[in-house]
Amino acid sequence: MPKRQPIDALALDLINREDWDALAAAFAAAHPADIALVIEQADEEIQFKLFSLIPSDLKPDVLAELEEQADEVLDALTSREISDLVGEMAPDDAADILGDLPDKQSDEILELMDKEDSDEVR
């Protein structure tokens, strides 16, 4: 049986070749923490591009795993998009993300969220 290539090595190869379709497929099969690692190690100018390749159902988990790079991703999203993502996150992860945003933006996002979700995060 052939040995599987680690996602970070595979991703680096696909990024270098700009094979975005294959990278999206690799992300679909990867663990959110591994995807976050790839984004964290990528050049800043492509971090949002990489995040956009992640399947929607994995994005909240990947966002929760990101550290400083979460700011790069969040800066490229609308408040509605952030609201949708944090609404799918565990309340403590959502609170961490919202806590890193300016108060005005955080309040706007909480207003956009379902009342039940926003109450859990507050």
PDB file of N, CA and C in Angstrom:
ATOM      1  N   MET A   1       0.842  -1.165   0.000  1.00  0.00           N
ATOM      2  CA  MET A   1       0.000   0.000   0.000  1.00  0.00           C
ATOM      3  C   MET A   1       0.898   1.242   0.000  1.00  0.00           C
ATOM      4  N   PRO A   2       0.614   2.232  -0.910  1.00  0.00           N
ATOM      5  CA  PRO A   2       1.454   3.425  -0.953  1.00  0.00           C
ATOM      6  C   PRO A   2       1.245   4.277   0.295  1.00  0.00           C
ATOM      7  N   LYS A   3       2.327   4.900   0.725  1.00  0.00           N
ATOM      8  CA  LYS A   3       2.275   5.759   1.904  1.00  0.00           C
ATOM      9  C   LYS A   3       1.579   7.074   1.536  1.00  0.00           C
ATOM     10  N   ARG A   4       0.646   7.522   2.399  1.00  0.00           N
ATOM     11  CA  ARG A   4      -0.048   8.778   2.149  1.00  0.00           C
ATOM     12  C   ARG A   4       0.877   9.955   2.442  1.00  0.00           C
ATOM     13  N   GLN A   5       0.805  10.946   1.598  1.00  0.00           N
ATOM     14  CA  GLN A   5       1.595  12.153   1.774  1.00  0.00           C
ATOM     15  C   GLN A   5       0.892  13.038   2.816  1.00  0.00           C
ATOM     16  N   PRO A   6       1.618  13.601   3.779  1.00  0.00           N
ATOM     17  CA  PRO A   6       0.983  14.490   4.750  1.00  0.00           C
ATOM     18  C   PRO A   6       0.317  15.668   4.034  1.00  0.00           C
ATOM     19  N   ILE A   7      -0.801  16.150   4.578  1.00  0.00           N
ATOM     20  CA  ILE A   7      -1.554  17.220   3.925  1.00  0.00           C
ATOM     21  C   ILE A   7      -0.701  18.460   3.716  1.00  0.00           C
ATOM     22  N   ASP A   8       0.186  18.799   4.665  1.00  0.00           N
ATOM     23  CA  ASP A   8       0.968  20.022   4.491  1.00  0.00           C
ATOM     24  C   ASP A   8       1.948  19.905   3.321  1.00  0.00           C
ATOM     25  N   ALA A   9       2.550  18.749   3.144  1.00  0.00           N
ATOM     26  CA  ALA A   9       3.460  18.549   2.013  1.00  0.00           C
ATOM     27  C   ALA A   9       2.689  18.519   0.693  1.00  0.00           C
ATOM     28  N   LEU A  10       1.566  17.832   0.699  1.00  0.00           N
ATOM     29  CA  LEU A  10       0.716  17.786  -0.495  1.00  0.00           C
ATOM     30  C   LEU A  10       0.211  19.188  -0.829  1.00  0.00           C
ATOM     31  N   ALA A  11      -0.256  19.892   0.188  1.00  0.00           N
ATOM     32  CA  ALA A  11      -0.790  21.238  -0.033  1.00  0.00           C
ATOM     33  C   ALA A  11       0.280  22.170  -0.586  1.00  0.00           C
ATOM     34  N   LEU A  12       1.483  22.100  -0.045  1.00  0.00           N
ATOM     35  CA  LEU A  12       2.563  22.948  -0.530  1.00  0.00           C
ATOM     36  C   LEU A  12       2.825  22.688  -2.012  1.00  0.00           C
ATOM     37  N   ASP A  13       2.846  21.431  -2.389  1.00  0.00           N
ATOM     38  CA  ASP A  13       3.044  21.074  -3.791  1.00  0.00           C
ATOM     39  C   ASP A  13       1.913  21.639  -4.652  1.00  0.00           C
ATOM     40  N   LEU A  14       0.678  21.479  -4.199  1.00  0.00           N
ATOM     41  CA  LEU A  14      -0.475  21.959  -4.969  1.00  0.00           C
ATOM     42  C   LEU A  14      -0.518  23.485  -5.032  1.00  0.00           C
ATOM     43  N   ILE A  15      -0.130  24.146  -3.953  1.00  0.00           N
ATOM     44  CA  ILE A  15      -0.061  25.611  -3.956  1.00  0.00           C
ATOM     45  C   ILE A  15       0.988  26.075  -4.954  1.00  0.00           C
ATOM     46  N   ASN A  16       2.153  25.446  -4.930  1.00  0.00           N
ATOM     47  CA  ASN A  16       3.217  25.824  -5.863  1.00  0.00           C
ATOM     48  C   ASN A  16       2.798  25.641  -7.314  1.00  0.00           C
ATOM     49  N   ARG A  17       1.977  24.625  -7.561  1.00  0.00           N
ATOM     50  CA  ARG A  17       1.494  24.369  -8.922  1.00  0.00           C
ATOM     51  C   ARG A  17       0.207  25.129  -9.241  1.00  0.00           C
ATOM     52  N   GLU A  18      -0.329  25.832  -8.214  1.00  0.00           N
ATOM     53  CA  GLU A  18      -1.602  26.554  -8.328  1.00  0.00           C
ATOM     54  C   GLU A  18      -2.718  25.639  -8.814  1.00  0.00           C
ATOM     55  N   ASP A  19      -2.719  24.425  -8.284  1.00  0.00           N
ATOM     56  CA  ASP A  19      -3.751  23.438  -8.613  1.00  0.00           C
ATOM     57  C   ASP A  19      -4.857  23.540  -7.560  1.00  0.00           C
ATOM     58  N   TRP A  20      -5.676  24.584  -7.693  1.00  0.00           N
ATOM     59  CA  TRP A  20      -6.679  24.910  -6.678  1.00  0.00           C
ATOM     60  C   TRP A  20      -7.758  23.842  -6.559  1.00  0.00           C
ATOM     61  N   ASP A  21      -8.138  23.211  -7.670  1.00  0.00           N
ATOM     62  CA  ASP A  21      -9.165  22.160  -7.608  1.00  0.00           C
ATOM     63  C   ASP A  21      -8.675  20.958  -6.805  1.00  0.00           C
ATOM     64  N   ALA A  22      -7.450  20.546  -7.053  1.00  0.00           N
ATOM     65  CA  ALA A  22      -6.890  19.411  -6.308  1.00  0.00           C
ATOM     66  C   ALA A  22      -6.699  19.772  -4.835  1.00  0.00           C
ATOM     67  N   LEU A  23      -6.331  21.020  -4.567  1.00  0.00           N
ATOM     68  CA  LEU A  23      -6.164  21.449  -3.179  1.00  0.00           C
ATOM     69  C   LEU A  23      -7.513  21.459  -2.460  1.00  0.00           C
ATOM     70  N   ALA A  24      -8.553  21.908  -3.137  1.00  0.00           N
ATOM     71  CA  ALA A  24      -9.891  21.885  -2.538  1.00  0.00           C
ATOM     72  C   ALA A  24     -10.304  20.450  -2.209  1.00  0.00           C
ATOM     73  N   ALA A  25      -9.993  19.517  -3.081  1.00  0.00           N
ATOM     74  CA  ALA A  25     -10.307  18.108  -2.825  1.00  0.00           C
ATOM     75  C   ALA A  25      -9.495  17.576  -1.645  1.00  0.00           C
ATOM     76  N   ALA A  26      -8.240  17.975  -1.552  1.00  0.00           N
ATOM     77  CA  ALA A  26      -7.394  17.538  -0.426  1.00  0.00           C
ATOM     78  C   ALA A  26      -7.927  18.111   0.883  1.00  0.00           C
ATOM     79  N   PHE A  27      -8.350  19.359   0.866  1.00  0.00           N
ATOM     80  CA  PHE A  27      -8.918  19.975   2.065  1.00  0.00           C
ATOM     81  C   PHE A  27     -10.191  19.252   2.498  1.00  0.00           C
ATOM     82  N   ALA A  28     -10.987  18.823   1.540  1.00  0.00           N
ATOM     83  CA  ALA A  28     -12.252  18.147   1.860  1.00  0.00           C
ATOM     84  C   ALA A  28     -12.021  16.852   2.637  1.00  0.00           C
ATOM     85  N   ALA A  29     -10.855  16.264   2.449  1.00  0.00           N
ATOM     86  CA  ALA A  29     -10.543  14.989   3.113  1.00  0.00           C
ATOM     87  C   ALA A  29      -9.653  15.171   4.342  1.00  0.00           C
ATOM     88  N   ALA A  30      -9.303  16.405   4.667  1.00  0.00           N
ATOM     89  CA  ALA A  30      -8.337  16.659   5.740  1.00  0.00           C
ATOM     90  C   ALA A  30      -9.027  17.072   7.042  1.00  0.00           C
ATOM     91  N   HIS A  31      -8.285  16.971   8.124  1.00  0.00           N
ATOM     92  CA  HIS A  31      -8.755  17.413   9.436  1.00  0.00           C
ATOM     93  C   HIS A  31      -8.631  18.943   9.514  1.00  0.00           C
ATOM     94  N   PRO A  32      -9.597  19.619  10.158  1.00  0.00           N
ATOM     95  CA  PRO A  32      -9.533  21.085  10.248  1.00  0.00           C
ATOM     96  C   PRO A  32      -8.222  21.629  10.819  1.00  0.00           C
ATOM     97  N   ALA A  33      -7.651  20.961  11.797  1.00  0.00           N
ATOM     98  CA  ALA A  33      -6.379  21.436  12.366  1.00  0.00           C
ATOM     99  C   ALA A  33      -5.260  21.373  11.333  1.00  0.00           C
ATOM    100  N   ASP A  34      -5.281  20.361  10.481  1.00  0.00           N
ATOM    101  CA  ASP A  34      -4.262  20.241   9.436  1.00  0.00           C
ATOM    102  C   ASP A  34      -4.437  21.334   8.379  1.00  0.00           C
ATOM    103  N   ILE A  35      -5.685  21.633   8.053  1.00  0.00           N
ATOM    104  CA  ILE A  35      -5.958  22.701   7.081  1.00  0.00           C
ATOM    105  C   ILE A  35      -5.495  24.040   7.654  1.00  0.00           C
ATOM    106  N   ALA A  36      -5.797  24.273   8.933  1.00  0.00           N
ATOM    107  CA  ALA A  36      -5.375  25.513   9.582  1.00  0.00           C
ATOM    108  C   ALA A  36      -3.860  25.653   9.547  1.00  0.00           C
ATOM    109  N   LEU A  37      -3.158  24.577   9.762  1.00  0.00           N
ATOM    110  CA  LEU A  37      -1.695  24.598   9.706  1.00  0.00           C
ATOM    111  C   LEU A  37      -1.197  25.017   8.328  1.00  0.00           C
ATOM    112  N   VAL A  38      -1.836  24.499   7.289  1.00  0.00           N
ATOM    113  CA  VAL A  38      -1.461  24.873   5.924  1.00  0.00           C
ATOM    114  C   VAL A  38      -1.668  26.372   5.722  1.00  0.00           C
ATOM    115  N   ILE A  39      -2.806  26.886   6.167  1.00  0.00           N
ATOM    116  CA  ILE A  39      -3.096  28.316   6.006  1.00  0.00           C
ATOM    117  C   ILE A  39      -2.101  29.151   6.799  1.00  0.00           C
ATOM    118  N   GLU A  40      -1.804  28.724   8.019  1.00  0.00           N
ATOM    119  CA  GLU A  40      -0.857  29.466   8.854  1.00  0.00           C
ATOM    120  C   GLU A  40       0.526  29.539   8.224  1.00  0.00           C
ATOM    121  N   GLN A  41       0.918  28.505   7.506  1.00  0.00           N
ATOM    122  CA  GLN A  41       2.255  28.463   6.912  1.00  0.00           C
ATOM    123  C   GLN A  41       2.311  29.123   5.540  1.00  0.00           C
ATOM    124  N   ALA A  42       1.156  29.437   4.977  1.00  0.00           N
ATOM    125  CA  ALA A  42       1.107  30.021   3.629  1.00  0.00           C
ATOM    126  C   ALA A  42       1.436  31.506   3.667  1.00  0.00           C
ATOM    127  N   ASP A  43       1.832  32.019   2.526  1.00  0.00           N
ATOM    128  CA  ASP A  43       2.056  33.455   2.401  1.00  0.00           C
ATOM    129  C   ASP A  43       0.751  34.189   2.676  1.00  0.00           C
ATOM    130  N   GLU A  44       0.873  35.327   3.320  1.00  0.00           N
ATOM    131  CA  GLU A  44      -0.294  36.103   3.743  1.00  0.00           C
ATOM    132  C   GLU A  44      -1.238  36.415   2.581  1.00  0.00           C
ATOM    133  N   GLU A  45      -0.684  36.687   1.412  1.00  0.00           N
ATOM    134  CA  GLU A  45      -1.522  37.094   0.286  1.00  0.00           C
ATOM    135  C   GLU A  45      -2.409  35.975  -0.262  1.00  0.00           C
ATOM    136  N   ILE A  46      -2.144  34.725   0.095  1.00  0.00           N
ATOM    137  CA  ILE A  46      -3.025  33.645  -0.393  1.00  0.00           C
ATOM    138  C   ILE A  46      -3.818  32.966   0.721  1.00  0.00           C
ATOM    139  N   GLN A  47      -3.698  33.453   1.933  1.00  0.00           N
ATOM    140  CA  GLN A  47      -4.400  32.794   3.044  1.00  0.00           C
ATOM    141  C   GLN A  47      -5.914  32.789   2.852  1.00  0.00           C
ATOM    142  N   PHE A  48      -6.485  33.904   2.420  1.00  0.00           N
ATOM    143  CA  PHE A  48      -7.931  33.916   2.209  1.00  0.00           C
ATOM    144  C   PHE A  48      -8.305  33.023   1.029  1.00  0.00           C
ATOM    145  N   LYS A  49      -7.493  33.002  -0.005  1.00  0.00           N
ATOM    146  CA  LYS A  49      -7.739  32.119  -1.155  1.00  0.00           C
ATOM    147  C   LYS A  49      -7.819  30.664  -0.677  1.00  0.00           C
ATOM    148  N   LEU A  50      -6.895  30.278   0.182  1.00  0.00           N
ATOM    149  CA  LEU A  50      -6.894  28.916   0.716  1.00  0.00           C
ATOM    150  C   LEU A  50      -8.151  28.663   1.545  1.00  0.00           C
ATOM    151  N   PHE A  51      -8.525  29.630   2.377  1.00  0.00           N
ATOM    152  CA  PHE A  51      -9.733  29.477   3.197  1.00  0.00           C
ATOM    153  C   PHE A  51     -10.960  29.313   2.316  1.00  0.00           C
ATOM    154  N   SER A  52     -10.987  30.021   1.197  1.00  0.00           N
ATOM    155  CA  SER A  52     -12.153  29.944   0.303  1.00  0.00           C
ATOM    156  C   SER A  52     -12.291  28.568  -0.357  1.00  0.00           C
ATOM    157  N   LEU A  53     -11.219  27.777  -0.370  1.00  0.00           N
ATOM    158  CA  LEU A  53     -11.259  26.443  -0.976  1.00  0.00           C
ATOM    159  C   LEU A  53     -11.814  25.375  -0.039  1.00  0.00           C
ATOM    160  N   ILE A  54     -11.974  25.721   1.219  1.00  0.00           N
ATOM    161  CA  ILE A  54     -12.426  24.755   2.222  1.00  0.00           C
ATOM    162  C   ILE A  54     -13.929  24.522   2.078  1.00  0.00           C
ATOM    163  N   PRO A  55     -14.378  23.279   2.171  1.00  0.00           N
ATOM    164  CA  PRO A  55     -15.824  23.034   2.127  1.00  0.00           C
ATOM    165  C   PRO A  55     -16.531  23.792   3.259  1.00  0.00           C
ATOM    166  N   SER A  56     -17.711  24.290   2.977  1.00  0.00           N
ATOM    167  CA  SER A  56     -18.450  25.127   3.925  1.00  0.00           C
ATOM    168  C   SER A  56     -18.614  24.487   5.296  1.00  0.00           C
ATOM    169  N   ASP A  57     -18.839  23.181   5.322  1.00  0.00           N
ATOM    170  CA  ASP A  57     -19.068  22.523   6.609  1.00  0.00           C
ATOM    171  C   ASP A  57     -17.812  22.441   7.471  1.00  0.00           C
ATOM    172  N   LEU A  58     -16.629  22.626   6.880  1.00  0.00           N
ATOM    173  CA  LEU A  58     -15.377  22.594   7.637  1.00  0.00           C
ATOM    174  C   LEU A  58     -14.882  23.983   8.033  1.00  0.00           C
ATOM    175  N   LYS A  59     -15.390  25.027   7.383  1.00  0.00           N
ATOM    176  CA  LYS A  59     -14.874  26.378   7.622  1.00  0.00           C
ATOM    177  C   LYS A  59     -14.958  26.815   9.084  1.00  0.00           C
ATOM    178  N   PRO A  60     -16.081  26.600   9.789  1.00  0.00           N
ATOM    179  CA  PRO A  60     -16.101  27.033  11.195  1.00  0.00           C
ATOM    180  C   PRO A  60     -15.020  26.355  12.032  1.00  0.00           C
ATOM    181  N   ASP A  61     -14.802  25.075  11.806  1.00  0.00           N
ATOM    182  CA  ASP A  61     -13.786  24.340  12.571  1.00  0.00           C
ATOM    183  C   ASP A  61     -12.376  24.809  12.228  1.00  0.00           C
ATOM    184  N   VAL A  62     -12.134  25.098  10.957  1.00  0.00           N
ATOM    185  CA  VAL A  62     -10.810  25.593  10.558  1.00  0.00           C
ATOM    186  C   VAL A  62     -10.585  26.976  11.147  1.00  0.00           C
ATOM    187  N   LEU A  63     -11.600  27.830  11.081  1.00  0.00           N
ATOM    188  CA  LEU A  63     -11.475  29.175  11.639  1.00  0.00           C
ATOM    189  C   LEU A  63     -11.165  29.113  13.131  1.00  0.00           C
ATOM    190  N   ALA A  64     -11.784  28.191  13.835  1.00  0.00           N
ATOM    191  CA  ALA A  64     -11.533  28.032  15.272  1.00  0.00           C
ATOM    192  C   ALA A  64     -10.089  27.599  15.543  1.00  0.00           C
ATOM    193  N   GLU A  65      -9.481  26.884  14.606  1.00  0.00           N
ATOM    194  CA  GLU A  65      -8.100  26.400  14.772  1.00  0.00           C
ATOM    195  C   GLU A  65      -7.047  27.452  14.409  1.00  0.00           C
ATOM    196  N   LEU A  66      -7.437  28.450  13.612  1.00  0.00           N
ATOM    197  CA  LEU A  66      -6.478  29.471  13.195  1.00  0.00           C
ATOM    198  C   LEU A  66      -6.118  30.369  14.365  1.00  0.00           C
ATOM    199  N   GLU A  67      -4.914  30.888  14.326  1.00  0.00           N
ATOM    200  CA  GLU A  67      -4.482  31.811  15.379  1.00  0.00           C
ATOM    201  C   GLU A  67      -4.424  33.211  14.781  1.00  0.00           C
ATOM    202  N   GLU A  68      -3.268  33.789  14.623  1.00  0.00           N
ATOM    203  CA  GLU A  68      -3.168  35.144  14.076  1.00  0.00           C
ATOM    204  C   GLU A  68      -3.755  35.243  12.661  1.00  0.00           C
ATOM    205  N   GLN A  69      -3.713  34.159  11.920  1.00  0.00           N
ATOM    206  CA  GLN A  69      -4.197  34.180  10.546  1.00  0.00           C
ATOM    207  C   GLN A  69      -5.712  34.318  10.472  1.00  0.00           C
ATOM    208  N   ALA A  70      -6.396  34.098  11.565  1.00  0.00           N
ATOM    209  CA  ALA A  70      -7.851  34.299  11.570  1.00  0.00           C
ATOM    210  C   ALA A  70      -8.166  35.740  11.200  1.00  0.00           C
ATOM    211  N   ASP A  71      -7.327  36.683  11.633  1.00  0.00           N
ATOM    212  CA  ASP A  71      -7.554  38.092  11.301  1.00  0.00           C
ATOM    213  C   ASP A  71      -7.518  38.314   9.796  1.00  0.00           C
ATOM    214  N   GLU A  72      -6.572  37.668   9.120  1.00  0.00           N
ATOM    215  CA  GLU A  72      -6.466  37.812   7.668  1.00  0.00           C
ATOM    216  C   GLU A  72      -7.730  37.310   6.977  1.00  0.00           C
ATOM    217  N   VAL A  73      -8.231  36.198   7.450  1.00  0.00           N
ATOM    218  CA  VAL A  73      -9.449  35.613   6.871  1.00  0.00           C
ATOM    219  C   VAL A  73     -10.650  36.487   7.199  1.00  0.00           C
ATOM    220  N   LEU A  74     -10.785  36.894   8.452  1.00  0.00           N
ATOM    221  CA  LEU A  74     -11.934  37.689   8.871  1.00  0.00           C
ATOM    222  C   LEU A  74     -11.982  39.037   8.162  1.00  0.00           C
ATOM    223  N   ASP A  75     -10.840  39.625   7.903  1.00  0.00           N
ATOM    224  CA  ASP A  75     -10.799  40.911   7.201  1.00  0.00           C
ATOM    225  C   ASP A  75     -11.392  40.823   5.801  1.00  0.00           C
ATOM    226  N   ALA A  76     -11.354  39.651   5.202  1.00  0.00           N
ATOM    227  CA  ALA A  76     -11.852  39.478   3.839  1.00  0.00           C
ATOM    228  C   ALA A  76     -13.320  39.054   3.794  1.00  0.00           C
ATOM    229  N   LEU A  77     -13.924  38.820   4.954  1.00  0.00           N
ATOM    230  CA  LEU A  77     -15.315  38.372   5.007  1.00  0.00           C
ATOM    231  C   LEU A  77     -16.241  39.509   5.411  1.00  0.00           C
ATOM    232  N   THR A  78     -17.491  39.422   4.972  1.00  0.00           N
ATOM    233  CA  THR A  78     -18.503  40.381   5.407  1.00  0.00           C
ATOM    234  C   THR A  78     -18.981  39.985   6.805  1.00  0.00           C
ATOM    235  N   SER A  79     -19.645  40.900   7.470  1.00  0.00           N
ATOM    236  CA  SER A  79     -20.209  40.592   8.789  1.00  0.00           C
ATOM    237  C   SER A  79     -21.207  39.446   8.701  1.00  0.00           C
ATOM    238  N   ARG A  80     -21.978  39.378   7.635  1.00  0.00           N
ATOM    239  CA  ARG A  80     -22.941  38.285   7.448  1.00  0.00           C
ATOM    240  C   ARG A  80     -22.206  36.952   7.341  1.00  0.00           C
ATOM    241  N   GLU A  81     -21.124  36.909   6.572  1.00  0.00           N
ATOM    242  CA  GLU A  81     -20.359  35.668   6.426  1.00  0.00           C
ATOM    243  C   GLU A  81     -19.750  35.241   7.760  1.00  0.00           C
ATOM    244  N   ILE A  82     -19.227  36.210   8.501  1.00  0.00           N
ATOM    245  CA  ILE A  82     -18.664  35.883   9.815  1.00  0.00           C
ATOM    246  C   ILE A  82     -19.765  35.378  10.733  1.00  0.00           C
ATOM    247  N   SER A  83     -20.917  36.028  10.684  1.00  0.00           N
ATOM    248  CA  SER A  83     -22.054  35.609  11.499  1.00  0.00           C
ATOM    249  C   SER A  83     -22.434  34.158  11.208  1.00  0.00           C
ATOM    250  N   ASP A  84     -22.483  33.807   9.940  1.00  0.00           N
ATOM    251  CA  ASP A  84     -22.825  32.434   9.552  1.00  0.00           C
ATOM    252  C   ASP A  84     -21.794  31.439  10.087  1.00  0.00           C
ATOM    253  N   LEU A  85     -20.519  31.804  10.017  1.00  0.00           N
ATOM    254  CA  LEU A  85     -19.458  30.911  10.492  1.00  0.00           C
ATOM    255  C   LEU A  85     -19.486  30.752  12.008  1.00  0.00           C
ATOM    256  N   VAL A  86     -19.535  31.874  12.729  1.00  0.00           N
ATOM    257  CA  VAL A  86     -19.489  31.765  14.186  1.00  0.00           C
ATOM    258  C   VAL A  86     -20.765  31.146  14.741  1.00  0.00           C
ATOM    259  N   GLY A  87     -21.863  31.256  13.991  1.00  0.00           N
ATOM    260  CA  GLY A  87     -23.099  30.601  14.407  1.00  0.00           C
ATOM    261  C   GLY A  87     -22.999  29.084  14.399  1.00  0.00           C
ATOM    262  N   GLU A  88     -22.045  28.558  13.651  1.00  0.00           N
ATOM    263  CA  GLU A  88     -21.832  27.111  13.560  1.00  0.00           C
ATOM    264  C   GLU A  88     -20.727  26.621  14.504  1.00  0.00           C
ATOM    265  N   MET A  89     -20.077  27.546  15.192  1.00  0.00           N
ATOM    266  CA  MET A  89     -18.954  27.187  16.063  1.00  0.00           C
ATOM    267  C   MET A  89     -19.438  26.894  17.480  1.00  0.00           C
ATOM    268  N   ALA A  90     -18.595  26.211  18.227  1.00  0.00           N
ATOM    269  CA  ALA A  90     -18.844  26.050  19.659  1.00  0.00           C
ATOM    270  C   ALA A  90     -18.854  27.455  20.270  1.00  0.00           C
ATOM    271  N   PRO A  91     -19.722  27.703  21.255  1.00  0.00           N
ATOM    272  CA  PRO A  91     -19.829  29.055  21.819  1.00  0.00           C
ATOM    273  C   PRO A  91     -18.503  29.645  22.301  1.00  0.00           C
ATOM    274  N   ASP A  92     -17.643  28.831  22.920  1.00  0.00           N
ATOM    275  CA  ASP A  92     -16.371  29.384  23.398  1.00  0.00           C
ATOM    276  C   ASP A  92     -15.452  29.784  22.243  1.00  0.00           C
ATOM    277  N   ASP A  93     -15.465  29.019  21.154  1.00  0.00           N
ATOM    278  CA  ASP A  93     -14.667  29.376  19.974  1.00  0.00           C
ATOM    279  C   ASP A  93     -15.227  30.639  19.323  1.00  0.00           C
ATOM    280  N   ALA A  94     -16.556  30.725  19.230  1.00  0.00           N
ATOM    281  CA  ALA A  94     -17.195  31.905  18.648  1.00  0.00           C
ATOM    282  C   ALA A  94     -16.866  33.142  19.479  1.00  0.00           C
ATOM    283  N   ALA A  95     -16.917  33.012  20.796  1.00  0.00           N
ATOM    284  CA  ALA A  95     -16.601  34.140  21.680  1.00  0.00           C
ATOM    285  C   ALA A  95     -15.151  34.586  21.487  1.00  0.00           C
ATOM    286  N   ASP A  96     -14.240  33.635  21.293  1.00  0.00           N
ATOM    287  CA  ASP A  96     -12.838  33.983  21.053  1.00  0.00           C
ATOM    288  C   ASP A  96     -12.691  34.795  19.770  1.00  0.00           C
ATOM    289  N   ILE A  97     -13.358  34.346  18.709  1.00  0.00           N
ATOM    290  CA  ILE A  97     -13.291  35.052  17.422  1.00  0.00           C
ATOM    291  C   ILE A  97     -13.871  36.453  17.569  1.00  0.00           C
ATOM    292  N   LEU A  98     -15.059  36.547  18.148  1.00  0.00           N
ATOM    293  CA  LEU A  98     -15.716  37.846  18.288  1.00  0.00           C
ATOM    294  C   LEU A  98     -14.936  38.769  19.230  1.00  0.00           C
ATOM    295  N   GLY A  99     -14.281  38.198  20.217  1.00  0.00           N
ATOM    296  CA  GLY A  99     -13.489  38.993  21.147  1.00  0.00           C
ATOM    297  C   GLY A  99     -12.291  39.655  20.502  1.00  0.00           C
ATOM    298  N   ASP A 100     -11.837  39.109  19.382  1.00  0.00           N
ATOM    299  CA  ASP A 100     -10.697  39.675  18.669  1.00  0.00           C
ATOM    300  C   ASP A 100     -11.100  40.784  17.700  1.00  0.00           C
ATOM    301  N   LEU A 101     -12.398  40.950  17.483  1.00  0.00           N
ATOM    302  CA  LEU A 101     -12.898  41.959  16.554  1.00  0.00           C
ATOM    303  C   LEU A 101     -13.194  43.260  17.296  1.00  0.00           C
ATOM    304  N   PRO A 102     -13.227  44.372  16.565  1.00  0.00           N
ATOM    305  CA  PRO A 102     -13.653  45.624  17.206  1.00  0.00           C
ATOM    306  C   PRO A 102     -15.076  45.465  17.769  1.00  0.00           C
ATOM    307  N   ASP A 103     -15.354  46.148  18.885  1.00  0.00           N
ATOM    308  CA  ASP A 103     -16.656  46.010  19.550  1.00  0.00           C
ATOM    309  C   ASP A 103     -17.827  46.260  18.616  1.00  0.00           C
ATOM    310  N   LYS A 104     -17.723  47.282  17.796  1.00  0.00           N
ATOM    311  CA  LYS A 104     -18.824  47.626  16.876  1.00  0.00           C
ATOM    312  C   LYS A 104     -19.107  46.469  15.911  1.00  0.00           C
ATOM    313  N   GLN A 105     -18.065  45.896  15.349  1.00  0.00           N
ATOM    314  CA  GLN A 105     -18.238  44.786  14.407  1.00  0.00           C
ATOM    315  C   GLN A 105     -18.761  43.550  15.133  1.00  0.00           C
ATOM    316  N   SER A 106     -18.232  43.293  16.303  1.00  0.00           N
ATOM    317  CA  SER A 106     -18.690  42.147  17.096  1.00  0.00           C
ATOM    318  C   SER A 106     -20.178  42.273  17.413  1.00  0.00           C
ATOM    319  N   ASP A 107     -20.606  43.469  17.820  1.00  0.00           N
ATOM    320  CA  ASP A 107     -22.026  43.699  18.117  1.00  0.00           C
ATOM    321  C   ASP A 107     -22.887  43.498  16.876  1.00  0.00           C
ATOM    322  N   GLU A 108     -22.400  43.967  15.738  1.00  0.00           N
ATOM    323  CA  GLU A 108     -23.141  43.800  14.480  1.00  0.00           C
ATOM    324  C   GLU A 108     -23.301  42.320  14.143  1.00  0.00           C
ATOM    325  N   ILE A 109     -22.245  41.566  14.317  1.00  0.00           N
ATOM    326  CA  ILE A 109     -22.294  40.132  14.018  1.00  0.00           C
ATOM    327  C   ILE A 109     -23.254  39.422  14.961  1.00  0.00           C
ATOM    328  N   LEU A 110     -23.204  39.772  16.228  1.00  0.00           N
ATOM    329  CA  LEU A 110     -24.137  39.165  17.194  1.00  0.00           C
ATOM    330  C   LEU A 110     -25.578  39.472  16.827  1.00  0.00           C
ATOM    331  N   GLU A 111     -25.846  40.659  16.324  1.00  0.00           N
ATOM    332  CA  GLU A 111     -27.204  41.028  15.905  1.00  0.00           C
ATOM    333  C   GLU A 111     -27.648  40.216  14.680  1.00  0.00           C
ATOM    334  N   LEU A 112     -26.714  39.859  13.834  1.00  0.00           N
ATOM    335  CA  LEU A 112     -27.033  39.083  12.628  1.00  0.00           C
ATOM    336  C   LEU A 112     -27.273  37.602  12.926  1.00  0.00           C
ATOM    337  N   MET A 113     -26.754  37.138  14.050  1.00  0.00           N
ATOM    338  CA  MET A 113     -26.870  35.719  14.411  1.00  0.00           C
ATOM    339  C   MET A 113     -28.277  35.411  14.917  1.00  0.00           C
ATOM    340  N   ASP A 114     -28.651  34.142  14.845  1.00  0.00           N
ATOM    341  CA  ASP A 114     -29.885  33.690  15.490  1.00  0.00           C
ATOM    342  C   ASP A 114     -29.805  34.057  16.964  1.00  0.00           C
ATOM    343  N   LYS A 115     -30.936  34.446  17.550  1.00  0.00           N
ATOM    344  CA  LYS A 115     -30.953  34.896  18.938  1.00  0.00           C
ATOM    345  C   LYS A 115     -30.378  33.814  19.871  1.00  0.00           C
ATOM    346  N   GLU A 116     -30.768  32.573  19.647  1.00  0.00           N
ATOM    347  CA  GLU A 116     -30.296  31.484  20.507  1.00  0.00           C
ATOM    348  C   GLU A 116     -28.764  31.354  20.440  1.00  0.00           C
ATOM    349  N   ASP A 117     -28.225  31.422  19.218  1.00  0.00           N
ATOM    350  CA  ASP A 117     -26.772  31.324  19.060  1.00  0.00           C
ATOM    351  C   ASP A 117     -26.065  32.512  19.694  1.00  0.00           C
ATOM    352  N   SER A 118     -26.589  33.705  19.454  1.00  0.00           N
ATOM    353  CA  SER A 118     -25.920  34.882  20.000  1.00  0.00           C
ATOM    354  C   SER A 118     -25.987  34.917  21.525  1.00  0.00           C
ATOM    355  N   ASP A 119     -27.093  34.424  22.093  1.00  0.00           N
ATOM    356  CA  ASP A 119     -27.197  34.361  23.548  1.00  0.00           C
ATOM    357  C   ASP A 119     -26.159  33.406  24.144  1.00  0.00           C
ATOM    358  N   GLU A 120     -25.877  32.312  23.459  1.00  0.00           N
ATOM    359  CA  GLU A 120     -24.876  31.358  23.935  1.00  0.00           C
ATOM    360  C   GLU A 120     -23.467  31.943  23.890  1.00  0.00           C
ATOM    361  N   VAL A 121     -23.225  32.831  22.935  1.00  0.00           N
ATOM    362  CA  VAL A 121     -21.894  33.402  22.747  1.00  0.00           C
ATOM    363  C   VAL A 121     -21.647  34.565  23.702  1.00  0.00           C
ATOM    364  N   ARG A 122     -22.685  35.308  24.023  1.00  0.00           N
ATOM    365  CA  ARG A 122     -22.536  36.525  24.866  1.00  0.00           C
ATOM    366  C   ARG A 122     -22.012  36.216  26.221  1.00  0.00           C
TER     367      ARG A 122
END
